[in-house]
Amino acid sequence: MNILQINSSARSSGSESTRMADALVAKLIAAAPHAQLIRRDLASEPHPAIDEPALQALFTPADQRTEAQAARVALDDALIAQAQAADTIVIGAPMYNFGMTTQLKSWFDAIARAGATFRYTATGPEGLLTGKKVFVTLARGGMHRDGPNDVQVPHLKTLLGFLGMTDVTFLYSEGLGLGPESVARAQAQADADINAVLV
């Protein structure tokens, strides 16, 4: 089994979404000791955002790219290859201002490429990253699960589903901004939920 862990918190340490992702991955590896893990921390190793030079590089035929353009496309190619090779993807996804982090959005922008991770057909788009199990560990300061302000989960479901990843489990740690007792409850529940999904 190949496991890809994506940590998308802006924090290099002290991130609850990363703590949850680490705990989940540790249990996955305990159950499959020969699993191969690639861990990508988008705080310590940020991926460049899409800008005009990146778009120009992507839309320039490969044999006509400059050295700089080829190098920029290669950065995205590496992330796509990691996602394609993974059997299980674990995404640590804190909520920032009701949505995903800039770091995670840049990762999705990098891997969403027509002809590589999805394609257009006569009946509509088709995701090509199929047959994968995805876990998303969500950390929130408030209580948003299944509420009108939780636009993060629908957005993630849409992005993942568009790319062909429909077997997705969301794990929550909420109320982290509501005091120490709330943090303790949230972490205990998150740990219980992680244990439950991997029984």
Protein backbone atom coordinates (compact mmCIF):
# COMPACT_ATOMS: atom_id res chain seq x y z
CA MET A 1 0.00 0.00 0.00
CA ASN A 2 1.22 3.47 -0.89
CA ILE A 3 0.12 6.23 1.51
CA LEU A 4 0.30 9.91 0.65
CA GLN A 5 -0.06 12.31 3.58
CA ILE A 6 -0.71 15.97 2.82
CA ASN A 7 -0.36 18.38 5.75
CA SER A 8 -1.85 21.73 4.76
CA SER A 9 -1.74 23.74 7.97
CA ALA A 10 0.34 26.92 7.87
CA ARG A 11 1.80 25.73 11.18
CA SER A 12 4.90 23.56 11.17
CA SER A 13 4.11 22.47 14.73
CA GLY A 14 1.08 22.52 16.99
CA SER A 15 -1.43 21.83 14.22
CA GLU A 16 -4.44 19.75 15.25
CA SER A 17 -5.21 18.65 11.68
CA THR A 18 -1.61 17.42 11.36
CA ARG A 19 -1.78 15.68 14.75
CA MET A 20 -4.88 13.84 13.59
CA ALA A 21 -3.35 12.98 10.21
CA ASP A 22 -0.21 11.67 11.91
CA ALA A 23 -2.29 9.52 14.26
CA LEU A 24 -4.32 8.12 11.39
CA VAL A 25 -1.24 7.34 9.31
CA ALA A 26 0.45 5.66 12.26
CA LYS A 27 -2.53 3.33 12.60
CA LEU A 28 -2.59 2.64 8.86
CA ILE A 29 1.08 1.68 8.95
CA ALA A 30 0.59 -0.44 12.07
CA ALA A 31 -2.05 -2.39 10.17
CA ALA A 32 0.12 -2.62 7.04
CA PRO A 33 3.77 -2.49 8.17
CA HIS A 34 5.13 -2.72 4.64
CA ALA A 35 3.18 0.32 3.46
CA GLN A 36 5.20 3.04 1.77
CA LEU A 37 4.60 6.57 3.07
CA ILE A 38 5.19 9.89 1.36
CA ARG A 39 4.54 12.80 3.70
CA ARG A 40 4.34 16.29 2.23
CA ASP A 41 4.16 19.25 4.61
CA LEU A 42 2.94 22.25 2.66
CA ALA A 43 4.07 24.64 5.41
CA SER A 44 7.72 23.63 5.32
CA GLU A 45 7.62 22.77 1.61
CA PRO A 46 5.03 25.12 0.07
CA HIS A 47 3.96 24.62 -3.50
CA PRO A 48 3.89 27.76 -5.65
CA ALA A 49 0.49 29.23 -6.39
CA ILE A 50 -0.87 29.45 -9.89
CA ASP A 51 0.19 32.71 -11.52
CA GLU A 52 0.56 33.97 -15.09
CA PRO A 53 4.01 32.45 -15.72
CA ALA A 54 2.76 29.09 -14.41
CA LEU A 55 -0.25 29.19 -16.73
CA GLN A 56 1.95 30.13 -19.67
CA ALA A 57 4.21 27.19 -18.87
CA LEU A 58 1.32 24.74 -18.58
CA PHE A 59 -0.26 25.85 -21.87
CA THR A 60 3.01 25.85 -23.81
CA PRO A 61 3.68 22.56 -25.64
CA ALA A 62 6.32 20.55 -23.82
CA ASP A 63 8.83 20.71 -26.67
CA GLN A 64 8.53 24.50 -26.82
CA ARG A 65 8.92 25.31 -23.12
CA THR A 66 11.83 27.31 -21.85
CA GLU A 67 14.02 25.79 -19.17
CA ALA A 68 12.21 27.84 -16.53
CA GLN A 69 8.80 26.78 -17.86
CA ALA A 70 9.80 23.11 -17.89
CA ALA A 71 11.02 23.40 -14.31
CA ARG A 72 7.72 24.99 -13.21
CA VAL A 73 5.63 22.27 -14.85
CA ALA A 74 7.87 19.61 -13.32
CA LEU A 75 6.87 20.83 -9.85
CA ASP A 76 3.22 20.06 -10.63
CA ASP A 77 4.15 16.81 -12.37
CA ALA A 78 5.78 15.58 -9.15
CA LEU A 79 2.60 16.17 -7.13
CA ILE A 80 0.46 14.50 -9.79
CA ALA A 81 2.74 11.44 -9.79
CA GLN A 82 2.47 11.18 -6.00
CA ALA A 83 -1.32 11.33 -6.13
CA GLN A 84 -1.48 8.79 -8.96
CA ALA A 85 0.75 6.33 -7.11
CA ALA A 86 -1.12 6.55 -3.80
CA ASP A 87 -3.62 3.92 -2.72
CA THR A 88 -4.59 5.93 0.37
CA ILE A 89 -4.45 9.72 0.73
CA VAL A 90 -4.62 11.43 4.11
CA ILE A 91 -5.20 15.19 4.03
CA GLY A 92 -4.82 17.38 7.09
CA ALA A 93 -7.19 20.27 6.42
CA PRO A 94 -7.71 23.02 8.99
CA MET A 95 -10.48 25.53 8.36
CA TYR A 96 -9.23 29.05 7.66
CA ASN A 97 -11.94 31.67 7.23
CA PHE A 98 -14.54 28.95 6.48
CA GLY A 99 -12.47 27.33 3.74
CA MET A 100 -9.34 25.38 3.00
CA THR A 101 -5.88 26.84 3.44
CA THR A 102 -4.02 28.57 0.64
CA GLN A 103 -1.49 25.76 0.87
CA LEU A 104 -4.11 23.08 0.18
CA LYS A 105 -5.72 25.07 -2.63
CA SER A 106 -2.33 25.31 -4.33
CA TRP A 107 -1.97 21.52 -4.05
CA PHE A 108 -5.35 20.96 -5.69
CA ASP A 109 -4.52 23.52 -8.38
CA ALA A 110 -1.33 21.59 -9.09
CA ILE A 111 -2.86 18.13 -9.36
CA ALA A 112 -6.05 19.05 -11.24
CA ARG A 113 -4.88 18.74 -14.83
CA ALA A 114 -6.95 17.76 -17.85
CA GLY A 115 -5.62 14.61 -19.45
CA ALA A 116 -3.73 13.57 -16.32
CA THR A 117 -6.13 13.51 -13.36
CA PHE A 118 -9.40 14.16 -15.19
CA ARG A 119 -10.64 14.27 -18.75
CA TYR A 120 -13.57 15.66 -20.66
CA THR A 121 -15.84 13.17 -22.42
CA ALA A 122 -19.00 13.37 -24.49
CA THR A 123 -20.99 12.84 -21.31
CA GLY A 124 -19.04 15.26 -19.14
CA PRO A 125 -15.85 15.31 -17.07
CA GLU A 126 -14.42 12.06 -15.75
CA GLY A 127 -12.03 11.82 -12.80
CA LEU A 128 -8.97 9.64 -13.34
CA LEU A 129 -7.70 9.31 -9.75
CA THR A 130 -9.99 6.39 -9.02
CA GLY A 131 -9.73 3.44 -6.66
CA LYS A 132 -8.26 5.45 -3.79
CA LYS A 133 -9.31 5.76 -0.16
CA VAL A 134 -9.17 9.33 1.13
CA PHE A 135 -9.25 10.51 4.73
CA VAL A 136 -9.54 14.22 5.55
CA THR A 137 -8.76 15.38 9.08
CA LEU A 138 -10.56 18.65 9.75
CA ALA A 139 -9.66 21.09 12.54
CA ARG A 140 -11.90 24.05 13.33
CA GLY A 141 -11.93 26.78 15.96
CA GLY A 142 -15.74 26.81 16.12
CA MET A 143 -18.54 24.30 15.69
CA HIS A 144 -19.40 24.08 11.99
CA ARG A 145 -20.08 20.43 11.14
CA ASP A 146 -23.17 20.05 8.92
CA GLY A 147 -24.04 23.72 9.47
CA PRO A 148 -24.65 26.50 6.95
CA ASN A 149 -21.16 27.91 7.48
CA ASP A 150 -19.41 24.66 6.59
CA VAL A 151 -18.58 25.39 2.98
CA GLN A 152 -15.21 23.66 3.37
CA VAL A 153 -16.47 20.06 3.28
CA PRO A 154 -18.71 20.52 0.20
CA HIS A 155 -15.81 22.21 -1.61
CA LEU A 156 -13.45 19.36 -0.75
CA LYS A 157 -16.05 16.75 -1.78
CA THR A 158 -16.50 18.50 -5.10
CA LEU A 159 -12.77 18.75 -5.82
CA LEU A 160 -12.01 15.19 -4.79
CA GLY A 161 -15.02 13.79 -6.63
CA PHE A 162 -14.17 15.72 -9.78
CA LEU A 163 -10.77 14.02 -9.78
CA GLY A 164 -12.34 10.58 -9.25
CA MET A 165 -11.89 10.23 -5.49
CA THR A 166 -15.30 9.44 -4.08
CA ASP A 167 -14.42 7.10 -1.18
CA VAL A 168 -13.79 9.90 1.33
CA THR A 169 -14.03 9.87 5.13
CA PHE A 170 -14.05 13.18 7.01
CA LEU A 171 -12.82 13.25 10.62
CA TYR A 172 -13.50 16.30 12.77
CA SER A 173 -11.90 18.16 15.66
CA GLU A 174 -14.08 21.20 16.39
CA GLY A 175 -14.38 23.86 19.04
CA LEU A 176 -10.63 24.34 19.32
CA GLY A 177 -11.05 28.06 19.92
CA LEU A 178 -13.54 27.63 22.76
CA GLY A 179 -11.19 26.98 25.65
CA PRO A 180 -9.09 24.14 27.11
CA GLU A 181 -12.02 21.91 28.04
CA SER A 182 -13.44 22.16 24.54
CA VAL A 183 -10.02 21.34 23.06
CA ALA A 184 -9.72 18.25 25.28
CA ARG A 185 -13.20 17.06 24.27
CA ALA A 186 -12.50 17.68 20.59
CA GLN A 187 -9.22 15.79 20.63
CA ALA A 188 -10.67 12.87 22.57
CA GLN A 189 -13.57 12.59 20.12
CA ALA A 190 -11.23 12.89 17.13
CA ASP A 191 -9.02 10.12 18.50
CA ALA A 192 -12.05 7.90 19.10
CA ASP A 193 -13.29 8.53 15.57
CA ILE A 194 -9.87 7.68 14.11
CA ASN A 195 -9.80 4.43 16.06
CA ALA A 196 -13.35 3.62 14.93
CA VAL A 197 -12.73 4.03 11.21
CA LEU A 198 -9.65 1.81 11.31
CA VAL A 199 -11.14 -1.09 13.28
